[in-house]
Amino acid sequence: MLKGLIFDVDETLVYYEGYNHREWYEMWVMPALQEHGIKLDYETYKKTVTGELPRSYVERFGIDHVEFWKIVDAVNLRYRREMARLGRIKPFPDVGALGELKKMGLRLAAVSNASQECTEFVLNLFDLGKYFDVVYGKDYSNLDGVKPSPYLVEKALRVLGLRPEEAMMVGDSHHDVLAGKRAGMKTVNVTRFGEIGGADYYVKDLWELVGLIRKILGT
């Protein structure tokens, strides 16, 4: 029986108006890295994010990889604070559906590849944190444990006290689908930006997700 849902955060619950990954890296992250004497081009950085290269790859630039990612995450938090100030972080209009899912007695978790601080900042910006029993950002003790690794998802399942077959992973990206599948869960793709192959279910928004859950639970 379905007892819980694990949600991705960015582009699933909230979005960033005008966000461009390369622009963000070159305008925000590169200057901070250069202050530490690190020159890392965007394409190489992108490979560490997509998992083509391990997070520890950056150690060849003479910096501990945990310190490197803490620099990046501090910049990301500054960026999010500035975007919030400019009103450019927005919740999707259907996030109220989270309240409906809670009323159904489901346990909810939020899992993001962003840092814990960045994740909590964005959720709390729109008072979304109240819906979740647990919130996990990236874990500095296992930086390669971000999605598509199932590590953070499995961590959330343990805290929720659920077996994989009792929960579903909900997200917008290939990484969300893969992480859920690798954890042994059914997956739901929210198709705001198009369908991701391999998901078990597809919904256009979170209200359609509520309908899907009611159907699964027979309520």
Protein backbone atom coordinates (compact mmCIF):
# COMPACT_ATOMS: atom_id res chain seq x y z
CA MET A 1 0.00 0.00 0.00
CA LEU A 2 1.21 3.49 -0.86
CA LYS A 3 2.13 5.43 2.29
CA GLY A 4 4.51 8.15 1.16
CA LEU A 5 5.93 10.35 -1.60
CA ILE A 6 9.44 11.71 -2.11
CA PHE A 7 9.62 14.96 -4.07
CA ASP A 8 12.33 16.68 -6.01
CA VAL A 9 12.34 20.46 -5.32
CA ASP A 10 13.77 22.68 -8.10
CA GLU A 11 11.65 22.64 -11.28
CA THR A 12 9.16 20.32 -9.56
CA LEU A 13 7.86 22.59 -6.78
CA VAL A 14 9.57 25.91 -7.57
CA TYR A 15 11.25 27.51 -10.57
CA TYR A 16 13.73 30.29 -11.27
CA GLU A 17 12.65 32.90 -13.79
CA GLY A 18 15.26 33.38 -16.52
CA TYR A 19 17.63 30.77 -15.06
CA ASN A 20 20.40 29.53 -17.34
CA HIS A 21 22.84 26.98 -15.89
CA ARG A 22 25.86 28.09 -17.91
CA GLU A 23 25.20 31.77 -17.20
CA TRP A 24 24.80 31.04 -13.48
CA TYR A 25 28.11 29.18 -13.42
CA GLU A 26 30.08 31.75 -15.40
CA MET A 27 28.64 34.83 -13.67
CA TRP A 28 28.35 33.56 -10.11
CA VAL A 29 30.53 30.51 -9.51
CA MET A 30 33.62 31.11 -11.65
CA PRO A 31 34.58 34.41 -9.94
CA ALA A 32 34.35 32.72 -6.51
CA LEU A 33 36.52 29.82 -7.68
CA GLN A 34 39.06 32.19 -9.19
CA GLU A 35 39.39 33.86 -5.78
CA HIS A 36 40.64 30.45 -4.59
CA GLY A 37 42.99 30.13 -7.57
CA ILE A 38 40.78 27.55 -9.32
CA LYS A 39 40.14 27.77 -13.05
CA LEU A 40 37.46 25.30 -14.06
CA ASP A 41 35.61 25.64 -17.37
CA TYR A 42 31.87 25.16 -17.57
CA GLU A 43 31.91 21.94 -19.62
CA THR A 44 34.13 20.16 -17.07
CA TYR A 45 32.04 21.47 -14.17
CA LYS A 46 28.87 20.26 -15.92
CA LYS A 47 30.33 16.74 -16.19
CA THR A 48 30.84 16.63 -12.41
CA VAL A 49 27.21 17.67 -11.92
CA THR A 50 25.76 15.14 -14.36
CA GLY A 51 27.87 12.35 -12.89
CA GLU A 52 30.11 11.79 -15.93
CA LEU A 53 32.98 12.72 -13.62
CA PRO A 54 33.04 12.09 -9.85
CA ARG A 55 32.66 15.08 -7.52
CA SER A 56 36.22 14.37 -6.32
CA TYR A 57 37.56 15.11 -9.83
CA VAL A 58 38.14 18.73 -8.78
CA GLU A 59 40.94 17.67 -6.42
CA ARG A 60 43.29 17.78 -9.44
CA PHE A 61 42.94 21.58 -9.14
CA GLY A 62 44.57 21.48 -5.72
CA ILE A 63 41.52 21.78 -3.46
CA ASP A 64 39.75 19.29 -1.23
CA HIS A 65 36.56 18.32 -3.06
CA VAL A 66 34.34 18.89 -0.02
CA GLU A 67 35.71 22.44 0.29
CA PHE A 68 35.17 22.96 -3.44
CA TRP A 69 31.48 22.03 -3.24
CA LYS A 70 31.02 24.14 -0.12
CA ILE A 71 32.29 27.14 -2.11
CA VAL A 72 29.85 26.37 -4.94
CA ASP A 73 26.97 25.92 -2.50
CA ALA A 74 27.73 29.17 -0.67
CA VAL A 75 27.56 30.95 -4.05
CA ASN A 76 24.31 29.13 -4.85
CA LEU A 77 22.77 30.34 -1.59
CA ARG A 78 23.83 33.92 -2.39
CA TYR A 79 22.31 33.53 -5.85
CA ARG A 80 19.03 32.21 -4.43
CA ARG A 81 18.81 35.05 -1.92
CA GLU A 82 19.33 37.59 -4.72
CA MET A 83 16.77 35.89 -6.99
CA ALA A 84 14.30 35.85 -4.08
CA ARG A 85 14.92 39.57 -3.50
CA LEU A 86 14.21 40.23 -7.17
CA GLY A 87 11.07 38.06 -7.04
CA ARG A 88 12.49 35.63 -9.58
CA ILE A 89 12.00 32.42 -7.58
CA LYS A 90 8.41 31.31 -7.87
CA PRO A 91 6.36 28.37 -6.65
CA PHE A 92 4.39 26.53 -9.29
CA PRO A 93 0.69 27.43 -8.93
CA ASP A 94 -0.22 23.84 -8.01
CA VAL A 95 1.97 23.47 -4.87
CA GLY A 96 -1.16 23.73 -2.71
CA ALA A 97 -1.75 20.12 -3.74
CA LEU A 98 0.90 19.16 -1.16
CA GLY A 99 -1.61 20.07 1.56
CA GLU A 100 -4.17 17.75 0.00
CA LEU A 101 -1.63 14.90 -0.08
CA LYS A 102 -0.87 15.48 3.62
CA LYS A 103 -4.60 15.35 4.43
CA MET A 104 -4.65 11.92 2.79
CA GLY A 105 -2.28 10.76 5.53
CA LEU A 106 0.77 10.36 3.29
CA ARG A 107 4.29 10.89 4.60
CA LEU A 108 6.18 13.36 2.44
CA ALA A 109 9.89 14.00 1.92
CA ALA A 110 11.78 16.52 -0.22
CA VAL A 111 15.14 15.50 -1.67
CA SER A 112 17.39 17.85 -3.64
CA ASN A 113 20.86 17.81 -5.17
CA ALA A 114 21.30 21.37 -3.88
CA SER A 115 22.77 21.88 -0.42
CA GLN A 116 20.63 21.45 2.70
CA GLU A 117 20.74 25.20 3.31
CA CYS A 118 19.76 26.06 -0.30
CA THR A 119 16.94 23.52 -0.25
CA GLU A 120 15.50 24.71 3.05
CA PHE A 121 15.83 28.36 1.99
CA VAL A 122 13.68 27.84 -1.10
CA LEU A 123 11.06 25.69 0.65
CA ASN A 124 10.76 28.13 3.54
CA LEU A 125 10.51 31.08 1.15
CA PHE A 126 7.03 29.84 0.24
CA ASP A 127 6.18 28.09 3.52
CA LEU A 128 6.43 24.69 1.83
CA GLY A 129 8.67 23.15 4.51
CA LYS A 130 5.60 22.52 6.69
CA TYR A 131 4.39 19.81 4.31
CA PHE A 132 7.47 17.62 4.62
CA ASP A 133 8.37 15.14 7.33
CA VAL A 134 11.99 15.21 6.16
CA VAL A 135 14.06 17.41 3.85
CA TYR A 136 17.44 16.32 2.48
CA GLY A 137 19.94 18.27 0.43
CA LYS A 138 23.30 16.89 -0.66
CA ASP A 139 25.35 15.08 1.96
CA TYR A 140 28.98 16.29 2.24
CA SER A 141 30.01 12.88 3.58
CA ASN A 142 28.90 11.31 0.28
CA LEU A 143 28.94 13.93 -2.46
CA ASP A 144 28.48 11.37 -5.22
CA GLY A 145 25.30 10.27 -3.41
CA VAL A 146 23.22 12.94 -5.16
CA LYS A 147 20.57 11.86 -7.68
CA PRO A 148 20.69 9.79 -9.91
CA SER A 149 22.29 7.83 -7.04
CA PRO A 150 19.56 6.40 -4.79
CA TYR A 151 21.51 7.38 -1.65
CA LEU A 152 19.46 10.45 -0.59
CA VAL A 153 16.18 8.80 -1.55
CA GLU A 154 17.03 5.71 0.51
CA LYS A 155 18.04 7.96 3.42
CA ALA A 156 14.60 9.64 3.24
CA LEU A 157 12.83 6.27 3.09
CA ARG A 158 14.61 5.15 6.25
CA VAL A 159 13.58 8.27 8.19
CA LEU A 160 10.00 8.00 6.91
CA GLY A 161 10.01 4.36 8.03
CA LEU A 162 8.88 3.16 4.60
CA ARG A 163 9.87 0.31 2.33
CA PRO A 164 10.53 1.23 -1.34
CA GLU A 165 7.27 -0.39 -2.46
CA GLU A 166 5.34 1.86 -0.02
CA ALA A 167 6.50 5.12 -1.60
CA MET A 168 6.89 6.84 -4.97
CA MET A 169 9.47 9.30 -6.29
CA VAL A 170 8.04 12.47 -7.87
CA GLY A 171 10.20 14.73 -10.04
CA ASP A 172 10.77 16.47 -13.34
CA SER A 173 14.13 15.04 -14.44
CA HIS A 174 15.86 11.91 -15.66
CA HIS A 175 17.91 11.97 -12.43
CA ASP A 176 14.73 11.81 -10.33
CA VAL A 177 13.39 8.84 -12.28
CA LEU A 178 16.73 7.00 -12.10
CA ALA A 179 17.19 7.65 -8.36
CA GLY A 180 13.69 6.36 -7.61
CA LYS A 181 14.14 3.29 -9.80
CA ARG A 182 17.53 2.48 -8.26
CA ALA A 183 15.93 2.69 -4.81
CA GLY A 184 13.31 0.14 -5.94
CA MET A 185 10.43 2.63 -6.10
CA LYS A 186 7.73 3.46 -8.61
CA THR A 187 8.32 6.89 -10.16
CA VAL A 188 6.10 9.78 -11.25
CA ASN A 189 7.30 12.27 -13.86
CA VAL A 190 5.74 15.74 -13.59
CA THR A 191 5.81 16.72 -17.26
CA ARG A 192 6.17 20.49 -16.88
CA PHE A 193 9.11 20.42 -19.28
CA GLY A 194 8.23 17.33 -21.31
CA GLU A 195 8.13 13.61 -20.63
CA ILE A 196 11.13 11.72 -19.25
CA GLY A 197 11.35 8.14 -20.47
CA GLY A 198 11.22 5.29 -17.98
CA ALA A 199 8.80 6.70 -15.39
CA ASP A 200 5.88 4.55 -14.20
CA TYR A 201 3.36 7.40 -14.24
CA TYR A 202 3.08 10.79 -15.91
CA VAL A 203 1.16 13.80 -14.57
CA LYS A 204 0.99 17.33 -15.96
CA ASP A 205 0.91 18.94 -12.49
CA LEU A 206 0.53 18.19 -8.78
CA TRP A 207 -3.27 18.27 -8.84
CA GLU A 208 -3.20 15.51 -11.42
CA LEU A 209 -0.84 13.71 -9.02
CA VAL A 210 -3.52 13.97 -6.29
CA GLY A 211 -5.99 12.33 -8.69
CA LEU A 212 -3.49 9.58 -9.48
CA ILE A 213 -2.87 8.88 -5.78
CA ARG A 214 -6.61 8.72 -5.05
CA LYS A 215 -6.98 6.22 -7.86
CA ILE A 216 -4.07 4.10 -6.55
CA LEU A 217 -5.48 4.18 -3.01
CA GLY A 218 -9.03 3.62 -4.23
CA THR A 219 -10.38 6.68 -2.37
